[in-house]
Protein backbone atom coordinates (compact mmCIF):
# COMPACT_ATOMS: atom_id res chain seq x y z
CA UNK A 1 156.54 150.02 63.59
CA UNK A 2 157.19 147.50 60.32
CA UNK A 3 154.71 144.46 59.71
CA UNK A 4 156.19 141.91 57.73
CA UNK A 5 159.57 141.83 59.46
CA UNK A 6 160.18 138.13 58.47
CA UNK A 7 159.56 138.75 54.44
CA UNK A 8 162.20 139.75 51.95
CA UNK A 9 161.58 143.22 52.15
CA UNK A 10 160.10 143.57 55.81
CA UNK A 11 163.49 142.13 56.89
CA UNK A 12 165.24 144.47 54.93
CA UNK A 13 163.41 147.49 56.20
CA UNK A 14 163.49 146.32 59.94
CA UNK A 15 167.54 146.21 59.63
CA UNK A 16 167.45 149.87 58.07
CA UNK A 17 165.12 151.33 60.86
CA UNK A 18 167.43 149.41 63.74
CA UNK A 19 170.28 151.43 62.29
CA UNK A 20 168.62 154.66 62.02
CA UNK A 21 169.59 156.63 65.10
CA UNK A 22 166.37 159.13 64.13
CA UNK A 23 164.38 156.17 65.64
CA UNK A 24 164.54 155.56 69.56
CA UNK A 25 162.27 152.33 69.28
CA UNK A 26 161.35 149.98 66.28
CA UNK A 27 158.11 147.66 66.93
CA UNK A 28 158.00 144.73 64.65
CA UNK A 29 154.44 143.22 64.39
CA UNK A 30 153.65 139.84 63.08
CA UNK A 31 152.42 136.27 63.66
CA UNK A 32 156.20 135.10 64.74
CA UNK A 33 159.24 137.07 65.34
CA UNK A 34 162.00 138.46 63.36
CA UNK A 35 165.46 137.08 63.64
CA UNK A 36 167.13 139.91 64.52
CA UNK A 37 167.95 140.79 67.76
CA UNK A 38 168.50 144.92 69.02
CA UNK A 39 168.19 146.83 72.66
CA UNK A 40 165.61 149.33 70.83
CA UNK A 41 163.60 146.29 68.85
CA UNK A 42 160.20 145.16 70.67
CA UNK A 43 158.20 142.51 69.03
CA UNK A 44 154.51 142.20 69.29
CA UNK A 45 153.13 139.00 68.22
CA UNK A 46 149.60 138.72 66.83
CA UNK A 47 147.55 135.91 65.88
CA UNK A 48 144.82 138.49 64.07
CA UNK A 49 145.15 141.84 63.26
CA UNK A 50 141.44 142.76 63.20
CA UNK A 51 141.52 144.04 66.69
CA UNK A 52 145.33 145.13 66.96
CA UNK A 53 146.06 147.54 69.87
CA UNK A 54 149.42 149.60 69.22
CA UNK A 55 151.79 151.87 71.59
CA UNK A 56 152.26 155.27 70.04
CA UNK A 57 154.21 155.39 66.87
CA UNK A 58 155.43 157.85 64.28
CA UNK A 59 155.99 155.95 61.11
CA UNK A 60 154.51 152.57 59.75
CA UNK A 61 155.92 150.27 57.35
CA UNK A 62 153.65 147.41 55.96
CA UNK A 63 155.59 144.83 53.97
CA UNK A 64 152.74 142.19 53.84
CA UNK A 65 152.14 139.78 50.86
CA UNK A 66 151.76 136.42 49.60
CA UNK A 67 150.79 134.97 46.19
CA UNK A 68 147.44 133.06 45.22
CA UNK A 69 149.27 129.84 44.93
CA UNK A 70 151.01 130.47 48.10
CA UNK A 71 147.90 131.62 50.18
CA UNK A 72 146.05 128.63 48.55
CA UNK A 73 143.01 130.28 47.17
CA UNK A 74 141.55 134.10 45.83
CA UNK A 75 140.14 134.57 49.43
CA UNK A 76 143.22 133.75 51.82
CA UNK A 77 145.26 135.85 49.53
CA UNK A 78 142.90 138.69 49.79
CA UNK A 79 142.95 138.05 53.83
CA UNK A 80 146.59 139.06 53.70
CA UNK A 81 147.03 141.68 50.84
CA UNK A 82 144.22 143.38 51.55
CA UNK A 83 142.37 142.75 54.87
CA UNK A 84 145.91 142.46 56.82
CA UNK A 85 147.27 145.55 55.39
CA UNK A 86 144.43 147.80 56.00
CA UNK A 87 143.68 146.61 59.50
CA UNK A 88 147.55 147.18 60.47
CA UNK A 89 147.55 150.75 58.84
CA UNK A 90 144.22 151.46 60.69
CA UNK A 91 145.76 150.39 64.10
CA UNK A 92 148.56 152.43 63.40
CA UNK A 93 147.09 155.55 62.60
CA UNK A 94 145.24 154.95 65.54
CA UNK A 95 148.41 154.61 67.52
CA UNK A 96 149.21 158.06 65.96
CA UNK A 97 151.25 157.26 62.82
CA UNK A 98 151.43 160.21 60.62
CA UNK A 99 153.43 158.56 57.83
CA UNK A 100 152.96 155.35 56.24
CA UNK A 101 155.25 153.29 53.88
CA UNK A 102 153.55 150.33 52.18
CA UNK A 103 154.68 147.86 49.44
CA UNK A 104 152.19 147.04 46.83
CA UNK A 105 153.18 145.72 43.20
CA UNK A 106 153.76 146.96 39.81
CA UNK A 107 150.18 146.87 37.71
CA UNK A 108 148.23 147.66 40.80
CA UNK A 109 144.75 148.81 39.81
CA UNK A 110 141.56 148.53 41.55
CA UNK A 111 139.84 148.51 37.76
CA UNK A 112 142.44 145.64 36.67
CA UNK A 113 140.70 142.56 35.35
CA UNK A 114 143.64 140.66 36.94
CA UNK A 115 142.56 139.54 40.40
CA UNK A 116 146.15 140.14 41.93
CA UNK A 117 146.49 143.21 40.74
CA UNK A 118 143.01 144.37 41.68
CA UNK A 119 143.23 143.62 45.08
CA UNK A 120 146.79 145.89 45.32
CA UNK A 121 145.12 148.44 43.68
CA UNK A 122 141.91 148.00 46.01
CA UNK A 123 144.40 148.23 49.09
CA UNK A 124 146.29 151.12 47.98
CA UNK A 125 143.07 153.36 48.08
CA UNK A 126 141.84 152.15 51.06
CA UNK A 127 144.87 153.41 53.18
CA UNK A 128 144.85 156.48 51.45
CA UNK A 129 141.56 157.23 53.09
CA UNK A 130 142.81 156.36 56.60
CA UNK A 131 144.24 160.17 57.54
CA UNK A 132 147.75 159.51 56.97
CA UNK A 133 149.64 162.74 56.41
CA UNK A 134 152.13 161.01 53.99
CA UNK A 135 151.73 158.05 52.43
CA UNK A 136 154.53 156.59 50.31
CA UNK A 137 153.60 153.27 47.95
CA UNK A 138 156.41 151.05 46.49
CA UNK A 139 155.45 149.09 43.48
CA UNK A 140 158.39 146.72 42.70
CA UNK A 141 158.45 144.19 39.77
CA UNK A 142 159.59 140.65 40.71
CA UNK A 143 161.48 141.05 43.64
CA UNK A 144 164.81 139.62 44.13
CA UNK A 145 166.28 137.92 46.87
CA UNK A 146 167.13 134.78 49.01
CA UNK A 147 163.60 133.25 50.07
CA UNK A 148 165.49 129.91 50.82
CA UNK A 149 167.29 131.39 53.94
CA UNK A 150 163.88 132.74 55.10
CA UNK A 151 162.30 129.33 55.01
CA UNK A 152 159.59 130.48 52.60
CA UNK A 153 157.88 128.46 49.99
CA UNK A 154 159.36 128.20 46.78
CA UNK A 155 157.53 130.32 43.67
CA UNK A 156 158.56 128.15 40.59
CA UNK A 157 156.99 130.68 38.26
CA UNK A 158 158.76 133.40 40.08
CA UNK A 159 162.12 131.56 39.56
CA UNK A 160 161.65 131.07 35.94
CA UNK A 161 160.29 134.57 35.30
CA UNK A 162 163.70 136.16 37.14
CA UNK A 163 165.77 133.69 35.07
CA UNK A 164 164.28 134.50 31.64
CA UNK A 165 164.23 138.68 32.55
CA UNK A 166 167.77 138.31 33.52
CA UNK A 167 168.78 136.61 30.47
CA UNK A 168 167.28 139.34 28.38
CA UNK A 169 167.76 142.28 30.82
CA UNK A 170 168.87 145.09 28.52
CA UNK A 171 165.83 144.66 26.45
CA UNK A 172 163.35 144.71 29.19
CA UNK A 173 162.07 148.26 30.51
CA UNK A 174 163.65 149.34 33.94
CA UNK A 175 160.10 149.16 35.59
CA UNK A 176 159.97 145.44 34.59
CA UNK A 177 163.42 143.99 35.67
CA UNK A 178 163.87 142.14 38.68
CA UNK A 179 164.49 144.49 41.79
CA UNK A 180 166.53 143.57 44.83
CA UNK A 181 164.29 143.48 48.22
CA UNK A 182 167.22 145.42 50.22
CA UNK A 183 167.21 147.94 47.28
CA UNK A 184 163.43 148.53 47.89
CA UNK A 185 163.41 148.45 51.45
CA UNK A 186 166.31 151.56 51.35
CA UNK A 187 164.25 153.35 48.81
CA UNK A 188 160.81 153.23 50.77
CA UNK A 189 162.61 153.87 54.20
CA UNK A 190 164.33 156.97 52.46
CA UNK A 191 161.09 158.32 50.96
CA UNK A 192 159.10 157.97 54.11
CA UNK A 193 161.55 159.72 56.12
CA UNK A 194 161.60 162.60 53.65
CA UNK A 195 157.85 162.53 52.73
CA UNK A 196 156.15 165.43 52.06
CA UNK A 197 152.21 165.55 52.74
CA UNK A 198 150.35 163.40 50.22
CA UNK A 199 150.43 160.22 48.39
CA UNK A 200 153.81 159.38 46.76
CA UNK A 201 153.73 156.22 44.27
CA UNK A 202 157.18 154.74 43.74
CA UNK A 203 157.59 152.79 40.59
CA UNK A 204 159.87 149.75 40.34
CA UNK A 205 162.26 151.83 38.38
CA UNK A 206 162.89 154.53 40.93
CA UNK A 207 163.46 151.32 43.78
CA UNK A 208 166.28 150.03 42.12
CA UNK A 209 169.88 150.80 43.47
């Protein structure tokens, strides 16, 4: 199962799962249907994730995320990046999922003074308590990809940051360089499939091609 399949990373995760012959069915859960079509794709439209009921699943990938600017305020941001992610992970675990791959962010830490990083850290710590056999947490830095093609709201600060970092790329540590959404998806799917019991955190440098 993949949640967030209409986003940058989620769309790429879905494409990889559909092409993977080891998966007989792929469930896409979200508020709208992804643009991909495939014989083994089953779409579940959910207006609310608080009472989500899922068919039996083995692996779950969650690539939900927004920004405070896009969400409108801190509470709306937390509703997506914490509440929705945890609710979906809990529903997937109840449906039998034993392996979880979730997209977080660089700097995630529940003790951070930065609200964004603190929420991401709280999310990571909470999903770790849900009973999954294996969890892979991806912490990408700035995501590079075609947001315009997805009709997502523009992120002016992100575009400016990407431009500045790319300009001085040789001087920027690997963990803080922009990373392609497709590379994050590839790394996350591969890591979940090969996951050993326990929790693995993949920093942005590990996610790059």
